[in-house]
PDB file of N, CA and C in Angstrom:
ATOM      1  N   UNK A   1      69.143   3.710  31.854  1.00  0.00           N
ATOM      2  CA  UNK A   1      67.874   3.615  31.158  1.00  0.00           C
ATOM      3  C   UNK A   1      67.240   5.006  31.087  1.00  0.00           C
ATOM      4  N   UNK A   2      66.365   5.165  30.118  1.00  0.00           N
ATOM      5  CA  UNK A   2      65.681   6.435  29.875  1.00  0.00           C
ATOM      6  C   UNK A   2      64.184   6.177  29.904  1.00  0.00           C
ATOM      7  N   UNK A   3      63.478   7.013  30.637  1.00  0.00           N
ATOM      8  CA  UNK A   3      62.054   6.810  30.840  1.00  0.00           C
ATOM      9  C   UNK A   3      61.235   7.980  30.326  1.00  0.00           C
ATOM     10  N   UNK A   4      60.113   7.659  29.714  1.00  0.00           N
ATOM     11  CA  UNK A   4      59.072   8.622  29.389  1.00  0.00           C
ATOM     12  C   UNK A   4      57.919   8.249  30.310  1.00  0.00           C
ATOM     13  N   UNK A   5      57.356   9.238  30.980  1.00  0.00           N
ATOM     14  CA  UNK A   5      56.345   8.934  31.989  1.00  0.00           C
ATOM     15  C   UNK A   5      55.171   9.896  31.910  1.00  0.00           C
ATOM     16  N   UNK A   6      54.055   9.446  32.458  1.00  0.00           N
ATOM     17  CA  UNK A   6      52.869  10.294  32.545  1.00  0.00           C
ATOM     18  C   UNK A   6      52.378  10.265  33.979  1.00  0.00           C
ATOM     19  N   UNK A   7      52.164  11.453  34.508  1.00  0.00           N
ATOM     20  CA  UNK A   7      51.623  11.625  35.849  1.00  0.00           C
ATOM     21  C   UNK A   7      50.209  12.179  35.741  1.00  0.00           C
ATOM     22  N   UNK A   8      49.399  11.818  36.713  1.00  0.00           N
ATOM     23  CA  UNK A   8      48.035  12.356  36.785  1.00  0.00           C
ATOM     24  C   UNK A   8      47.880  13.072  38.112  1.00  0.00           C
ATOM     25  N   UNK A   9      47.330  14.264  38.045  1.00  0.00           N
ATOM     26  CA  UNK A   9      47.107  15.071  39.238  1.00  0.00           C
ATOM     27  C   UNK A   9      45.794  14.690  39.900  1.00  0.00           C
ATOM     28  N   UNK A  10      45.848  14.432  41.212  1.00  0.00           N
ATOM     29  CA  UNK A  10      44.608  14.203  41.961  1.00  0.00           C
ATOM     30  C   UNK A  10      43.807  15.491  42.075  1.00  0.00           C
ATOM     31  N   UNK A  11      44.499  16.613  42.055  1.00  0.00           N
ATOM     32  CA  UNK A  11      43.857  17.909  42.256  1.00  0.00           C
ATOM     33  C   UNK A  11      42.930  18.280  41.104  1.00  0.00           C
ATOM     34  N   UNK A  12      43.419  18.136  39.866  1.00  0.00           N
ATOM     35  CA  UNK A  12      42.613  18.563  38.721  1.00  0.00           C
ATOM     36  C   UNK A  12      42.451  17.496  37.637  1.00  0.00           C
ATOM     37  N   UNK A  13      43.049  16.319  37.832  1.00  0.00           N
ATOM     38  CA  UNK A  13      42.930  15.238  36.859  1.00  0.00           C
ATOM     39  C   UNK A  13      43.771  15.416  35.605  1.00  0.00           C
ATOM     40  N   UNK A  14      44.512  16.512  35.534  1.00  0.00           N
ATOM     41  CA  UNK A  14      45.327  16.776  34.348  1.00  0.00           C
ATOM     42  C   UNK A  14      46.531  15.845  34.294  1.00  0.00           C
ATOM     43  N   UNK A  15      47.039  15.657  33.081  1.00  0.00           N
ATOM     44  CA  UNK A  15      48.178  14.784  32.848  1.00  0.00           C
ATOM     45  C   UNK A  15      49.438  15.603  32.608  1.00  0.00           C
ATOM     46  N   UNK A  16      50.572  15.042  32.984  1.00  0.00           N
ATOM     47  CA  UNK A  16      51.876  15.644  32.725  1.00  0.00           C
ATOM     48  C   UNK A  16      52.764  14.566  32.128  1.00  0.00           C
ATOM     49  N   UNK A  17      53.403  14.872  31.021  1.00  0.00           N
ATOM     50  CA  UNK A  17      54.309  13.944  30.346  1.00  0.00           C
ATOM     51  C   UNK A  17      55.731  14.456  30.484  1.00  0.00           C
ATOM     52  N   UNK A  18      56.652  13.564  30.839  1.00  0.00           N
ATOM     53  CA  UNK A  18      58.040  13.976  31.010  1.00  0.00           C
ATOM     54  C   UNK A  18      59.024  12.878  30.660  1.00  0.00           C
ATOM     55  N   UNK A  19      60.300  13.242  30.785  1.00  0.00           N
ATOM     56  CA  UNK A  19      61.423  12.345  30.499  1.00  0.00           C
ATOM     57  C   UNK A  19      62.385  12.394  31.678  1.00  0.00           C
ATOM     58  N   UNK A  20      62.987  11.258  32.004  1.00  0.00           N
ATOM     59  CA  UNK A  20      63.977  11.208  33.069  1.00  0.00           C
ATOM     60  C   UNK A  20      64.843   9.966  32.923  1.00  0.00           C
ATOM     61  N   UNK A  21      65.945   9.955  33.654  1.00  0.00           N
ATOM     62  CA  UNK A  21      66.761   8.743  33.750  1.00  0.00           C
ATOM     63  C   UNK A  21      66.586   8.088  35.120  1.00  0.00           C
ATOM     64  N   UNK A  22      65.881   8.751  36.025  1.00  0.00           N
ATOM     65  CA  UNK A  22      65.628   8.209  37.361  1.00  0.00           C
ATOM     66  C   UNK A  22      64.170   8.456  37.701  1.00  0.00           C
ATOM     67  N   UNK A  23      63.326   7.510  37.363  1.00  0.00           N
ATOM     68  CA  UNK A  23      61.887   7.723  37.471  1.00  0.00           C
ATOM     69  C   UNK A  23      61.423   7.868  38.921  1.00  0.00           C
ATOM     70  N   UNK A  24      61.971   7.094  39.832  1.00  0.00           N
ATOM     71  CA  UNK A  24      61.563   7.215  41.244  1.00  0.00           C
ATOM     72  C   UNK A  24      61.866   8.598  41.799  1.00  0.00           C
ATOM     73  N   UNK A  25      63.089   9.065  41.544  1.00  0.00           N
ATOM     74  CA  UNK A  25      63.470  10.388  42.047  1.00  0.00           C
ATOM     75  C   UNK A  25      62.643  11.489  41.395  1.00  0.00           C
ATOM     76  N   UNK A  26      62.369  11.344  40.113  1.00  0.00           N
ATOM     77  CA  UNK A  26      61.614  12.382  39.404  1.00  0.00           C
ATOM     78  C   UNK A  26      60.189  12.490  39.927  1.00  0.00           C
ATOM     79  N   UNK A  27      59.527  11.367  40.179  1.00  0.00           N
ATOM     80  CA  UNK A  27      58.170  11.403  40.734  1.00  0.00           C
ATOM     81  C   UNK A  27      58.202  12.030  42.130  1.00  0.00           C
ATOM     82  N   UNK A  28      59.209  11.683  42.913  1.00  0.00           N
ATOM     83  CA  UNK A  28      59.376  12.294  44.235  1.00  0.00           C
ATOM     84  C   UNK A  28      59.556  13.798  44.104  1.00  0.00           C
ATOM     85  N   UNK A  29      60.397  14.230  43.181  1.00  0.00           N
ATOM     86  CA  UNK A  29      60.608  15.662  42.958  1.00  0.00           C
ATOM     87  C   UNK A  29      59.301  16.371  42.602  1.00  0.00           C
ATOM     88  N   UNK A  30      58.525  15.764  41.731  1.00  0.00           N
ATOM     89  CA  UNK A  30      57.232  16.353  41.365  1.00  0.00           C
ATOM     90  C   UNK A  30      56.357  16.513  42.607  1.00  0.00           C
ATOM     91  N   UNK A  31      56.245  15.465  43.397  1.00  0.00           N
ATOM     92  CA  UNK A  31      55.343  15.497  44.550  1.00  0.00           C
ATOM     93  C   UNK A  31      55.834  16.371  45.701  1.00  0.00           C
ATOM     94  N   UNK A  32      57.103  16.684  45.725  1.00  0.00           N
ATOM     95  CA  UNK A  32      57.634  17.606  46.742  1.00  0.00           C
ATOM     96  C   UNK A  32      57.548  19.059  46.290  1.00  0.00           C
ATOM     97  N   UNK A  33      57.019  19.273  45.073  1.00  0.00           N
ATOM     98  CA  UNK A  33      56.876  20.631  44.566  1.00  0.00           C
ATOM     99  C   UNK A  33      58.130  21.221  43.982  1.00  0.00           C
ATOM    100  N   UNK A  34      59.119  20.388  43.661  1.00  0.00           N
ATOM    101  CA  UNK A  34      60.392  20.858  43.118  1.00  0.00           C
ATOM    102  C   UNK A  34      60.365  21.085  41.611  1.00  0.00           C
ATOM    103  N   UNK A  35      59.251  20.759  40.973  1.00  0.00           N
ATOM    104  CA  UNK A  35      59.121  20.947  39.527  1.00  0.00           C
ATOM    105  C   UNK A  35      58.081  22.046  39.308  1.00  0.00           C
ATOM    106  N   UNK A  36      58.513  23.214  38.841  1.00  0.00           N
ATOM    107  CA  UNK A  36      57.601  24.354  38.725  1.00  0.00           C
ATOM    108  C   UNK A  36      56.317  24.080  37.944  1.00  0.00           C
ATOM    109  N   UNK A  37      56.390  23.298  36.878  1.00  0.00           N
ATOM    110  CA  UNK A  37      55.204  23.064  36.047  1.00  0.00           C
ATOM    111  C   UNK A  37      54.135  22.213  36.719  1.00  0.00           C
ATOM    112  N   UNK A  38      54.492  21.495  37.781  1.00  0.00           N
ATOM    113  CA  UNK A  38      53.501  20.658  38.467  1.00  0.00           C
ATOM    114  C   UNK A  38      53.351  20.978  39.948  1.00  0.00           C
ATOM    115  N   UNK A  39      54.077  21.959  40.443  1.00  0.00           N
ATOM    116  CA  UNK A  39      54.102  22.245  41.882  1.00  0.00           C
ATOM    117  C   UNK A  39      52.723  22.520  42.461  1.00  0.00           C
ATOM    118  N   UNK A  40      51.851  23.150  41.704  1.00  0.00           N
ATOM    119  CA  UNK A  40      50.513  23.490  42.201  1.00  0.00           C
ATOM    120  C   UNK A  40      49.491  22.379  41.962  1.00  0.00           C
ATOM    121  N   UNK A  41      49.941  21.263  41.427  1.00  0.00           N
ATOM    122  CA  UNK A  41      49.006  20.192  41.054  1.00  0.00           C
ATOM    123  C   UNK A  41      49.206  18.908  41.857  1.00  0.00           C
ATOM    124  N   UNK A  42      49.999  18.959  42.918  1.00  0.00           N
ATOM    125  CA  UNK A  42      50.247  17.771  43.737  1.00  0.00           C
ATOM    126  C   UNK A  42      49.001  17.412  44.537  1.00  0.00           C
ATOM    127  N   UNK A  43      48.784  16.168  44.869  1.00  0.00           N
ATOM    128  CA  UNK A  43      49.641  15.010  44.599  1.00  0.00           C
ATOM    129  C   UNK A  43      49.490  14.516  43.161  1.00  0.00           C
ATOM    130  N   UNK A  44      50.570  13.939  42.679  1.00  0.00           N
ATOM    131  CA  UNK A  44      50.631  13.370  41.337  1.00  0.00           C
ATOM    132  C   UNK A  44      50.925  11.882  41.444  1.00  0.00           C
ATOM    133  N   UNK A  45      50.328  11.126  40.544  1.00  0.00           N
ATOM    134  CA  UNK A  45      50.516   9.670  40.549  1.00  0.00           C
ATOM    135  C   UNK A  45      51.014   9.206  39.193  1.00  0.00           C
ATOM    136  N   UNK A  46      51.995   8.328  39.219  1.00  0.00           N
ATOM    137  CA  UNK A  46      52.523   7.733  37.998  1.00  0.00           C
ATOM    138  C   UNK A  46      51.479   6.765  37.450  1.00  0.00           C
ATOM    139  N   UNK A  47      51.001   7.038  36.237  1.00  0.00           N
ATOM    140  CA  UNK A  47      49.991   6.152  35.648  1.00  0.00           C
ATOM    141  C   UNK A  47      50.504   5.426  34.407  1.00  0.00           C
ATOM    142  N   UNK A  48      51.689   5.824  33.915  1.00  0.00           N
ATOM    143  CA  UNK A  48      52.204   5.210  32.686  1.00  0.00           C
ATOM    144  C   UNK A  48      53.685   5.528  32.559  1.00  0.00           C
ATOM    145  N   UNK A  49      54.457   4.558  32.096  1.00  0.00           N
ATOM    146  CA  UNK A  49      55.845   4.845  31.726  1.00  0.00           C
ATOM    147  C   UNK A  49      56.315   3.845  30.692  1.00  0.00           C
ATOM    148  N   UNK A  50      57.303   4.285  29.928  1.00  0.00           N
ATOM    149  CA  UNK A  50      57.980   3.446  28.944  1.00  0.00           C
ATOM    150  C   UNK A  50      59.472   3.586  29.196  1.00  0.00           C
ATOM    151  N   UNK A  51      60.204   2.536  28.941  1.00  0.00           N
ATOM    152  CA  UNK A  51      61.645   2.511  29.185  1.00  0.00           C
ATOM    153  C   UNK A  51      62.380   2.336  27.853  1.00  0.00           C
ATOM    154  N   UNK A  52      63.436   3.117  27.682  1.00  0.00           N
ATOM    155  CA  UNK A  52      64.236   3.075  26.462  1.00  0.00           C
ATOM    156  C   UNK A  52      65.709   2.931  26.811  1.00  0.00           C
ATOM    157  N   UNK A  53      66.448   2.262  25.972  1.00  0.00           N
ATOM    158  CA  UNK A  53      67.888   2.166  26.185  1.00  0.00           C
ATOM    159  C   UNK A  53      68.626   3.337  25.539  1.00  0.00           C
ATOM    160  N   UNK A  54      67.956   4.059  24.650  1.00  0.00           N
ATOM    161  CA  UNK A  54      68.569   5.160  23.925  1.00  0.00           C
ATOM    162  C   UNK A  54      67.862   6.474  24.254  1.00  0.00           C
ATOM    163  N   UNK A  55      68.623   7.488  24.668  1.00  0.00           N
ATOM    164  CA  UNK A  55      68.051   8.778  25.046  1.00  0.00           C
ATOM    165  C   UNK A  55      67.294   9.429  23.894  1.00  0.00           C
ATOM    166  N   UNK A  56      67.844   9.408  22.700  1.00  0.00           N
ATOM    167  CA  UNK A  56      67.176  10.049  21.562  1.00  0.00           C
ATOM    168  C   UNK A  56      65.799   9.454  21.305  1.00  0.00           C
ATOM    169  N   UNK A  57      65.689   8.134  21.418  1.00  0.00           N
ATOM    170  CA  UNK A  57      64.391   7.482  21.231  1.00  0.00           C
ATOM    171  C   UNK A  57      63.392   7.933  22.294  1.00  0.00           C
ATOM    172  N   UNK A  58      63.852   8.017  23.535  1.00  0.00           N
ATOM    173  CA  UNK A  58      62.972   8.429  24.630  1.00  0.00           C
ATOM    174  C   UNK A  58      62.512   9.868  24.470  1.00  0.00           C
ATOM    175  N   UNK A  59      63.427  10.750  24.136  1.00  0.00           N
ATOM    176  CA  UNK A  59      63.072  12.164  23.966  1.00  0.00           C
ATOM    177  C   UNK A  59      62.127  12.345  22.778  1.00  0.00           C
ATOM    178  N   UNK A  60      62.361  11.605  21.714  1.00  0.00           N
ATOM    179  CA  UNK A  60      61.472  11.660  20.556  1.00  0.00           C
ATOM    180  C   UNK A  60      60.057  11.204  20.934  1.00  0.00           C
ATOM    181  N   UNK A  61      59.977  10.145  21.744  1.00  0.00           N
ATOM    182  CA  UNK A  61      58.672   9.645  22.185  1.00  0.00           C
ATOM    183  C   UNK A  61      57.975  10.671  23.087  1.00  0.00           C
ATOM    184  N   UNK A  62      58.732  11.286  23.991  1.00  0.00           N
ATOM    185  CA  UNK A  62      58.151  12.314  24.856  1.00  0.00           C
ATOM    186  C   UNK A  62      57.568  13.446  24.011  1.00  0.00           C
ATOM    187  N   UNK A  63      58.323  13.906  23.029  1.00  0.00           N
ATOM    188  CA  UNK A  63      57.851  14.999  22.177  1.00  0.00           C
ATOM    189  C   UNK A  63      56.584  14.597  21.418  1.00  0.00           C
ATOM    190  N   UNK A  64      56.533  13.351  20.947  1.00  0.00           N
ATOM    191  CA  UNK A  64      55.329  12.884  20.258  1.00  0.00           C
ATOM    192  C   UNK A  64      54.131  12.879  21.201  1.00  0.00           C
ATOM    193  N   UNK A  65      54.317  12.365  22.414  1.00  0.00           N
ATOM    194  CA  UNK A  65      53.200  12.276  23.353  1.00  0.00           C
ATOM    195  C   UNK A  65      52.671  13.646  23.764  1.00  0.00           C
ATOM    196  N   UNK A  66      53.461  14.682  23.559  1.00  0.00           N
ATOM    197  CA  UNK A  66      53.018  16.039  23.872  1.00  0.00           C
ATOM    198  C   UNK A  66      52.291  16.710  22.714  1.00  0.00           C
ATOM    199  N   UNK A  67      52.240  16.054  21.550  1.00  0.00           N
ATOM    200  CA  UNK A  67      51.478  16.590  20.412  1.00  0.00           C
ATOM    201  C   UNK A  67      50.008  16.224  20.586  1.00  0.00           C
ATOM    202  N   UNK A  68      49.162  16.842  19.787  1.00  0.00           N
ATOM    203  CA  UNK A  68      47.736  16.523  19.880  1.00  0.00           C
ATOM    204  C   UNK A  68      47.468  15.065  19.514  1.00  0.00           C
ATOM    205  N   UNK A  69      48.186  14.538  18.528  1.00  0.00           N
ATOM    206  CA  UNK A  69      48.011  13.123  18.160  1.00  0.00           C
ATOM    207  C   UNK A  69      48.480  12.214  19.287  1.00  0.00           C
ATOM    208  N   UNK A  70      49.592  12.554  19.936  1.00  0.00           N
ATOM    209  CA  UNK A  70      50.098  11.763  21.048  1.00  0.00           C
ATOM    210  C   UNK A  70      49.160  11.790  22.247  1.00  0.00           C
ATOM    211  N   UNK A  71      48.616  12.963  22.550  1.00  0.00           N
ATOM    212  CA  UNK A  71      47.659  13.084  23.658  1.00  0.00           C
ATOM    213  C   UNK A  71      46.415  12.246  23.385  1.00  0.00           C
ATOM    214  N   UNK A  72      45.976  12.273  22.136  1.00  0.00           N
ATOM    215  CA  UNK A  72      44.804  11.466  21.758  1.00  0.00           C
ATOM    216  C   UNK A  72      45.112   9.970  21.922  1.00  0.00           C
ATOM    217  N   UNK A  73      46.301   9.547  21.512  1.00  0.00           N
ATOM    218  CA  UNK A  73      46.692   8.135  21.637  1.00  0.00           C
ATOM    219  C   UNK A  73      46.740   7.716  23.098  1.00  0.00           C
ATOM    220  N   UNK A  74      47.316   8.548  23.955  1.00  0.00           N
ATOM    221  CA  UNK A  74      47.392   8.233  25.382  1.00  0.00           C
ATOM    222  C   UNK A  74      45.998   8.137  25.983  1.00  0.00           C
ATOM    223  N   UNK A  75      45.115   9.051  25.620  1.00  0.00           N
ATOM    224  CA  UNK A  75      43.749   9.007  26.149  1.00  0.00           C
ATOM    225  C   UNK A  75      43.028   7.732  25.707  1.00  0.00           C
ATOM    226  N   UNK A  76      43.352   7.242  24.513  1.00  0.00           N
ATOM    227  CA  UNK A  76      42.759   5.994  24.042  1.00  0.00           C
ATOM    228  C   UNK A  76      43.361   4.796  24.780  1.00  0.00           C
ATOM    229  N   UNK A  77      44.675   4.764  24.889  1.00  0.00           N
ATOM    230  CA  UNK A  77      45.357   3.647  25.538  1.00  0.00           C
ATOM    231  C   UNK A  77      44.980   3.546  27.013  1.00  0.00           C
ATOM    232  N   UNK A  78      44.898   4.681  27.686  1.00  0.00           N
ATOM    233  CA  UNK A  78      44.637   4.705  29.140  1.00  0.00           C
ATOM    234  C   UNK A  78      43.188   5.028  29.474  1.00  0.00           C
ATOM    235  N   UNK A  79      42.273   4.748  28.566  1.00  0.00           N
ATOM    236  CA  UNK A  79      40.874   5.140  28.763  1.00  0.00           C
ATOM    237  C   UNK A  79      40.263   4.586  30.044  1.00  0.00           C
ATOM    238  N   UNK A  80      40.597   3.380  30.442  1.00  0.00           N
ATOM    239  CA  UNK A  80      40.047   2.820  31.685  1.00  0.00           C
ATOM    240  C   UNK A  80      40.654   3.519  32.891  1.00  0.00           C
ATOM    241  N   UNK A  81      41.949   3.696  32.904  1.00  0.00           N
ATOM    242  CA  UNK A  81      42.626   4.405  33.996  1.00  0.00           C
ATOM    243  C   UNK A  81      42.091   5.818  34.123  1.00  0.00           C
ATOM    244  N   UNK A  82      41.941   6.512  33.007  1.00  0.00           N
ATOM    245  CA  UNK A  82      41.483   7.899  33.039  1.00  0.00           C
ATOM    246  C   UNK A  82      40.019   8.025  33.434  1.00  0.00           C
ATOM    247  N   UNK A  83      39.252   6.961  33.262  1.00  0.00           N
ATOM    248  CA  UNK A  83      37.845   6.986  33.645  1.00  0.00           C
ATOM    249  C   UNK A  83      37.666   6.813  35.148  1.00  0.00           C
ATOM    250  N   UNK A  84      38.665   6.288  35.816  1.00  0.00           N
ATOM    251  CA  UNK A  84      38.591   6.102  37.262  1.00  0.00           C
ATOM    252  C   UNK A  84      38.687   7.443  37.952  1.00  0.00           C
ATOM    253  N   UNK A  85      37.952   7.620  39.037  1.00  0.00           N
ATOM    254  CA  UNK A  85      37.977   8.899  39.778  1.00  0.00           C
ATOM    255  C   UNK A  85      39.326   9.140  40.418  1.00  0.00           C
ATOM    256  N   UNK A  86      39.895   8.126  41.008  1.00  0.00           N
ATOM    257  CA  UNK A  86      41.177   8.274  41.699  1.00  0.00           C
ATOM    258  C   UNK A  86      42.075   7.127  41.281  1.00  0.00           C
ATOM    259  N   UNK A  87      43.323   7.443  40.987  1.00  0.00           N
ATOM    260  CA  UNK A  87      44.245   6.396  40.564  1.00  0.00           C
ATOM    261  C   UNK A  87      44.804   5.618  41.742  1.00  0.00           C
ATOM    262  N   UNK A  88      44.699   6.150  42.942  1.00  0.00           N
ATOM    263  CA  UNK A  88      45.177   5.452  44.138  1.00  0.00           C
ATOM    264  C   UNK A  88      44.052   5.413  45.153  1.00  0.00           C
ATOM    265  N   UNK A  89      43.687   4.225  45.559  1.00  0.00           N
ATOM    266  CA  UNK A  89      42.623   4.099  46.567  1.00  0.00           C
ATOM    267  C   UNK A  89      43.133   3.359  47.771  1.00  0.00           C
TER     268      UNK A  89
END
């Protein structure tokens, strides 16, 4: 399976969108500081993911979510989650 996921940083509230075939391991890698783009933003929490059977579809979705239109759509879809101070209590 292929996953597109969004993480939220407790440190600054910023979002990170990515792609993986092993979502559990990838979130662990992010939180252990093994991913340079998020190493300074830990802890990170998984707030959204989608699953695809086809890699091309997943990568295309990831690229869309990284555009301004995709970011706007995610902010609309996750408006309640994003309004919360902390995603894990």
